[in-house]
Structure formats: structure tokens, C-alpha cells
């Protein structure tokens, strides 16, 4: 079976649902969810490089 789809009547209702779901997650599940969202974003924007830590910017002068 596929995933169930929820349709919300308003933006506020969808925000409330997402907030309730995030409160029910453990910290490990939150990190895994965040990493999955980053992977999805990179899939839809393949031109951008994956972040590889912090890099110092060179200044001219």
C-alpha cells in the first residue's frame, strides 16, 4: 500500500499538524527526518553542491 495523503483546508492547520508530529518524535528521529529533507532538496536542485562543513571566505586586499 502507498502512503496516505492528507489535505488541509488552511496553512495554519497544516502547520499545527507538522508541529504535533515533530513533538512526538525522538531526537534521533528528528535528525534522520532533517537529513532526509536535505537529501530530497538536493535531489530537486542537483546543480548545488552538497554542504561540506564551514569554509572561510577569502577577502581581497
PDB file of N, CA and C in Angstrom:
ATOM      1  N   UNK A   1       0.836  -1.182   0.000  1.00  0.00           N
ATOM      2  CA  UNK A   1       0.000   0.000   0.000  1.00  0.00           C
ATOM      3  C   UNK A   1       0.879   1.242   0.000  1.00  0.00           C
ATOM      4  N   UNK A   2       0.325   2.319  -0.547  1.00  0.00           N
ATOM      5  CA  UNK A   2       1.058   3.577  -0.607  1.00  0.00           C
ATOM      6  C   UNK A   2       0.850   4.405   0.640  1.00  0.00           C
ATOM      7  N   UNK A   3       1.475   5.547   0.626  1.00  0.00           N
ATOM      8  CA  UNK A   3       1.348   6.460   1.757  1.00  0.00           C
ATOM      9  C   UNK A   3      -0.013   7.137   1.717  1.00  0.00           C
ATOM     10  N   UNK A   4      -0.527   7.455   2.897  1.00  0.00           N
ATOM     11  CA  UNK A   4      -1.799   8.169   2.941  1.00  0.00           C
ATOM     12  C   UNK A   4      -1.543   9.652   2.680  1.00  0.00           C
ATOM     13  N   UNK A   5      -2.502  10.308   2.073  1.00  0.00           N
ATOM     14  CA  UNK A   5      -2.383  11.725   1.733  1.00  0.00           C
ATOM     15  C   UNK A   5      -3.374  12.507   2.573  1.00  0.00           C
ATOM     16  N   UNK A   6      -2.892  13.579   3.188  1.00  0.00           N
ATOM     17  CA  UNK A   6      -3.758  14.456   3.971  1.00  0.00           C
ATOM     18  C   UNK A   6      -3.928  15.766   3.227  1.00  0.00           C
ATOM     19  N   UNK A   7      -5.142  16.251   3.175  1.00  0.00           N
ATOM     20  CA  UNK A   7      -5.429  17.542   2.550  1.00  0.00           C
ATOM     21  C   UNK A   7      -5.946  18.467   3.630  1.00  0.00           C
ATOM     22  N   UNK A   8      -5.282  19.605   3.777  1.00  0.00           N
ATOM     23  CA  UNK A   8      -5.650  20.568   4.808  1.00  0.00           C
ATOM     24  C   UNK A   8      -6.376  21.745   4.185  1.00  0.00           C
ATOM     25  N   UNK A   9      -7.305  22.307   4.953  1.00  0.00           N
ATOM     26  CA  UNK A   9      -8.095  23.432   4.458  1.00  0.00           C
ATOM     27  C   UNK A   9      -7.335  24.746   4.531  1.00  0.00           C
ATOM     28  N   UNK A  10      -6.384  24.838   5.471  1.00  0.00           N
ATOM     29  CA  UNK A  10      -5.657  26.097   5.623  1.00  0.00           C
ATOM     30  C   UNK A  10      -4.189  25.823   5.943  1.00  0.00           C
ATOM     31  N   UNK A  11      -3.390  26.852   5.747  1.00  0.00           N
ATOM     32  CA  UNK A  11      -1.962  26.753   6.044  1.00  0.00           C
ATOM     33  C   UNK A  11      -1.743  26.558   7.542  1.00  0.00           C
ATOM     34  N   UNK A  12      -2.542  27.220   8.364  1.00  0.00           N
ATOM     35  CA  UNK A  12      -2.407  27.109   9.816  1.00  0.00           C
ATOM     36  C   UNK A  12      -2.669  25.683  10.288  1.00  0.00           C
ATOM     37  N   UNK A  13      -3.654  25.042   9.679  1.00  0.00           N
ATOM     38  CA  UNK A  13      -3.982  23.664  10.046  1.00  0.00           C
ATOM     39  C   UNK A  13      -2.823  22.719   9.701  1.00  0.00           C
ATOM     40  N   UNK A  14      -2.203  22.933   8.555  1.00  0.00           N
ATOM     41  CA  UNK A  14      -1.070  22.085   8.173  1.00  0.00           C
ATOM     42  C   UNK A  14       0.132  22.333   9.079  1.00  0.00           C
ATOM     43  N   UNK A  15       0.369  23.596   9.465  1.00  0.00           N
ATOM     44  CA  UNK A  15       1.463  23.894  10.393  1.00  0.00           C
ATOM     45  C   UNK A  15       1.229  23.228  11.744  1.00  0.00           C
ATOM     46  N   UNK A  16      -0.010  23.255  12.224  1.00  0.00           N
ATOM     47  CA  UNK A  16      -0.342  22.637  13.502  1.00  0.00           C
ATOM     48  C   UNK A  16      -0.078  21.131  13.445  1.00  0.00           C
ATOM     49  N   UNK A  17      -0.450  20.496  12.342  1.00  0.00           N
ATOM     50  CA  UNK A  17      -0.238  19.058  12.175  1.00  0.00           C
ATOM     51  C   UNK A  17       1.255  18.724  12.179  1.00  0.00           C
ATOM     52  N   UNK A  18       2.060  19.502  11.447  1.00  0.00           N
ATOM     53  CA  UNK A  18       3.501  19.257  11.399  1.00  0.00           C
ATOM     54  C   UNK A  18       4.145  19.459  12.764  1.00  0.00           C
ATOM     55  N   UNK A  19       3.692  20.467  13.504  1.00  0.00           N
ATOM     56  CA  UNK A  19       4.231  20.717  14.836  1.00  0.00           C
ATOM     57  C   UNK A  19       3.904  19.565  15.779  1.00  0.00           C
ATOM     58  N   UNK A  20       2.670  19.059  15.714  1.00  0.00           N
ATOM     59  CA  UNK A  20       2.283  17.932  16.560  1.00  0.00           C
ATOM     60  C   UNK A  20       3.115  16.697  16.229  1.00  0.00           C
ATOM     61  N   UNK A  21       3.381  16.476  14.952  1.00  0.00           N
ATOM     62  CA  UNK A  21       4.194  15.321  14.566  1.00  0.00           C
ATOM     63  C   UNK A  21       5.620  15.463  15.068  1.00  0.00           C
ATOM     64  N   UNK A  22       6.171  16.673  14.993  1.00  0.00           N
ATOM     65  CA  UNK A  22       7.561  16.854  15.420  1.00  0.00           C
ATOM     66  C   UNK A  22       7.702  16.689  16.926  1.00  0.00           C
ATOM     67  N   UNK A  23       6.662  17.013  17.699  1.00  0.00           N
ATOM     68  CA  UNK A  23       6.738  16.850  19.144  1.00  0.00           C
ATOM     69  C   UNK A  23       6.701  15.384  19.554  1.00  0.00           C
ATOM     70  N   UNK A  24       6.137  14.528  18.708  1.00  0.00           N
ATOM     71  CA  UNK A  24       6.050  13.102  19.018  1.00  0.00           C
ATOM     72  C   UNK A  24       7.323  12.342  18.653  1.00  0.00           C
ATOM     73  N   UNK A  25       8.264  12.987  17.959  1.00  0.00           N
ATOM     74  CA  UNK A  25       9.487  12.314  17.524  1.00  0.00           C
ATOM     75  C   UNK A  25      10.574  12.375  18.591  1.00  0.00           C
ATOM     76  N   UNK A  26      11.428  11.362  18.565  1.00  0.00           N
ATOM     77  CA  UNK A  26      12.610  11.375  19.432  1.00  0.00           C
ATOM     78  C   UNK A  26      13.681  12.226  18.749  1.00  0.00           C
ATOM     79  N   UNK A  27      14.708  12.658  19.478  1.00  0.00           N
ATOM     80  CA  UNK A  27      15.772  13.448  18.840  1.00  0.00           C
ATOM     81  C   UNK A  27      16.438  12.729  17.661  1.00  0.00           C
ATOM     82  N   UNK A  28      16.609  11.412  17.762  1.00  0.00           N
ATOM     83  CA  UNK A  28      17.209  10.660  16.660  1.00  0.00           C
ATOM     84  C   UNK A  28      16.313  10.703  15.425  1.00  0.00           C
ATOM     85  N   UNK A  29      15.005  10.559  15.637  1.00  0.00           N
ATOM     86  CA  UNK A  29      14.071  10.614  14.512  1.00  0.00           C
ATOM     87  C   UNK A  29      14.054  12.001  13.886  1.00  0.00           C
ATOM     88  N   UNK A  30      14.191  13.042  14.691  1.00  0.00           N
ATOM     89  CA  UNK A  30      14.223  14.407  14.160  1.00  0.00           C
ATOM     90  C   UNK A  30      15.437  14.619  13.272  1.00  0.00           C
ATOM     91  N   UNK A  31      16.598  14.108  13.708  1.00  0.00           N
ATOM     92  CA  UNK A  31      17.814  14.257  12.907  1.00  0.00           C
ATOM     93  C   UNK A  31      17.692  13.482  11.602  1.00  0.00           C
ATOM     94  N   UNK A  32      17.181  12.257  11.666  1.00  0.00           N
ATOM     95  CA  UNK A  32      17.001  11.463  10.452  1.00  0.00           C
ATOM     96  C   UNK A  32      16.018  12.125   9.499  1.00  0.00           C
ATOM     97  N   UNK A  33      14.952  12.720  10.029  1.00  0.00           N
ATOM     98  CA  UNK A  33      13.978  13.418   9.196  1.00  0.00           C
ATOM     99  C   UNK A  33      14.641  14.607   8.512  1.00  0.00           C
ATOM    100  N   UNK A  34      15.439  15.376   9.272  1.00  0.00           N
ATOM    101  CA  UNK A  34      16.106  16.543   8.709  1.00  0.00           C
ATOM    102  C   UNK A  34      17.086  16.137   7.609  1.00  0.00           C
ATOM    103  N   UNK A  35      17.862  15.084   7.832  1.00  0.00           N
ATOM    104  CA  UNK A  35      18.796  14.612   6.811  1.00  0.00           C
ATOM    105  C   UNK A  35      18.054  14.145   5.561  1.00  0.00           C
ATOM    106  N   UNK A  36      16.907  13.515   5.749  1.00  0.00           N
ATOM    107  CA  UNK A  36      16.101  13.075   4.616  1.00  0.00           C
ATOM    108  C   UNK A  36      15.580  14.273   3.827  1.00  0.00           C
ATOM    109  N   UNK A  37      15.159  15.337   4.519  1.00  0.00           N
ATOM    110  CA  UNK A  37      14.675  16.534   3.835  1.00  0.00           C
ATOM    111  C   UNK A  37      15.793  17.191   3.033  1.00  0.00           C
ATOM    112  N   UNK A  38      17.014  17.210   3.585  1.00  0.00           N
ATOM    113  CA  UNK A  38      18.152  17.780   2.867  1.00  0.00           C
ATOM    114  C   UNK A  38      18.445  16.963   1.612  1.00  0.00           C
ATOM    115  N   UNK A  39      18.348  15.626   1.729  1.00  0.00           N
ATOM    116  CA  UNK A  39      18.577  14.757   0.576  1.00  0.00           C
ATOM    117  C   UNK A  39      17.531  15.014  -0.509  1.00  0.00           C
ATOM    118  N   UNK A  40      16.272  15.199  -0.110  1.00  0.00           N
ATOM    119  CA  UNK A  40      15.201  15.486  -1.075  1.00  0.00           C
ATOM    120  C   UNK A  40      15.454  16.821  -1.760  1.00  0.00           C
ATOM    121  N   UNK A  41      15.857  17.847  -0.990  1.00  0.00           N
ATOM    122  CA  UNK A  41      16.134  19.158  -1.576  1.00  0.00           C
ATOM    123  C   UNK A  41      17.276  19.071  -2.580  1.00  0.00           C
ATOM    124  N   UNK A  42      18.326  18.311  -2.260  1.00  0.00           N
ATOM    125  CA  UNK A  42      19.447  18.164  -3.183  1.00  0.00           C
ATOM    126  C   UNK A  42      19.037  17.414  -4.445  1.00  0.00           C
ATOM    127  N   UNK A  43      18.067  16.506  -4.328  1.00  0.00           N
ATOM    128  CA  UNK A  43      17.600  15.764  -5.494  1.00  0.00           C
ATOM    129  C   UNK A  43      16.885  16.692  -6.475  1.00  0.00           C
ATOM    130  N   UNK A  44      16.135  17.666  -5.954  1.00  0.00           N
ATOM    131  CA  UNK A  44      15.401  18.578  -6.816  1.00  0.00           C
ATOM    132  C   UNK A  44      16.251  19.760  -7.280  1.00  0.00           C
ATOM    133  N   UNK A  45      17.412  19.987  -6.654  1.00  0.00           N
ATOM    134  CA  UNK A  45      18.328  21.046  -7.066  1.00  0.00           C
ATOM    135  C   UNK A  45      19.717  20.436  -7.250  1.00  0.00           C
ATOM    136  N   UNK A  46      19.904  19.647  -8.310  1.00  0.00           N
ATOM    137  CA  UNK A  46      21.169  18.923  -8.458  1.00  0.00           C
ATOM    138  C   UNK A  46      22.361  19.823  -8.772  1.00  0.00           C
ATOM    139  N   UNK A  47      22.134  21.061  -9.214  1.00  0.00           N
ATOM    140  CA  UNK A  47      23.244  21.941  -9.563  1.00  0.00           C
ATOM    141  C   UNK A  47      24.007  22.413  -8.340  1.00  0.00           C
ATOM    142  N   UNK A  48      23.352  22.434  -7.197  1.00  0.00           N
ATOM    143  CA  UNK A  48      24.009  22.900  -5.984  1.00  0.00           C
ATOM    144  C   UNK A  48      24.854  21.779  -5.392  1.00  0.00           C
ATOM    145  N   UNK A  49      26.029  22.148  -4.876  1.00  0.00           N
ATOM    146  CA  UNK A  49      26.902  21.160  -4.256  1.00  0.00           C
ATOM    147  C   UNK A  49      26.403  20.847  -2.851  1.00  0.00           C
ATOM    148  N   UNK A  50      26.694  19.638  -2.390  1.00  0.00           N
ATOM    149  CA  UNK A  50      26.324  19.268  -1.029  1.00  0.00           C
ATOM    150  C   UNK A  50      27.196  20.042  -0.048  1.00  0.00           C
ATOM    151  N   UNK A  51      26.636  20.485   1.071  1.00  0.00           N
ATOM    152  CA  UNK A  51      27.448  21.221   2.045  1.00  0.00           C
ATOM    153  C   UNK A  51      28.524  20.323   2.656  1.00  0.00           C
ATOM    154  N   UNK A  52      29.736  20.843   2.740  1.00  0.00           N
ATOM    155  CA  UNK A  52      30.849  20.065   3.293  1.00  0.00           C
ATOM    156  C   UNK A  52      31.508  20.849   4.416  1.00  0.00           C
ATOM    157  N   UNK A  53      30.765  21.164   5.437  1.00  0.00           N
ATOM    158  CA  UNK A  53      31.329  21.890   6.568  1.00  0.00           C
ATOM    159  C   UNK A  53      31.444  23.377   6.277  1.00  0.00           C
ATOM    160  N   UNK A  54      32.065  24.068   7.184  1.00  0.00           N
ATOM    161  CA  UNK A  54      32.220  25.507   7.037  1.00  0.00           C
ATOM    162  C   UNK A  54      33.514  25.815   6.296  1.00  0.00           C
ATOM    163  N   UNK A  55      33.451  26.799   5.407  1.00  0.00           N
ATOM    164  CA  UNK A  55      34.637  27.227   4.690  1.00  0.00           C
ATOM    165  C   UNK A  55      34.804  28.721   4.896  1.00  0.00           C
ATOM    166  N   UNK A  56      36.047  29.147   5.089  1.00  0.00           N
ATOM    167  CA  UNK A  56      36.318  30.566   5.239  1.00  0.00           C
ATOM    168  C   UNK A  56      36.332  31.227   3.868  1.00  0.00           C
ATOM    169  N   UNK A  57      35.749  32.407   3.783  1.00  0.00           N
ATOM    170  CA  UNK A  57      35.748  33.143   2.527  1.00  0.00           C
ATOM    171  C   UNK A  57      37.020  33.976   2.437  1.00  0.00           C
ATOM    172  N   UNK A  58      37.624  33.993   1.239  1.00  0.00           N
ATOM    173  CA  UNK A  58      38.825  34.794   1.035  1.00  0.00           C
ATOM    174  C   UNK A  58      38.413  36.241   0.793  1.00  0.00           C
ATOM    175  N   UNK A  59      39.145  37.145   1.402  1.00  0.00           N
ATOM    176  CA  UNK A  59      38.882  38.567   1.208  1.00  0.00           C
ATOM    177  C   UNK A  59      39.959  39.160   0.320  1.00  0.00           C
ATOM    178  N   UNK A  60      39.557  40.056  -0.549  1.00  0.00           N
ATOM    179  CA  UNK A  60      40.526  40.743  -1.402  1.00  0.00           C
ATOM    180  C   UNK A  60      41.172  41.867  -0.611  1.00  0.00           C
ATOM    181  N   UNK A  61      42.499  41.928  -0.646  1.00  0.00           N
ATOM    182  CA  UNK A  61      43.204  43.041  -0.013  1.00  0.00           C
ATOM    183  C   UNK A  61      43.787  42.791   1.305  1.00  0.00           C
TER     184      UNK A  61
END
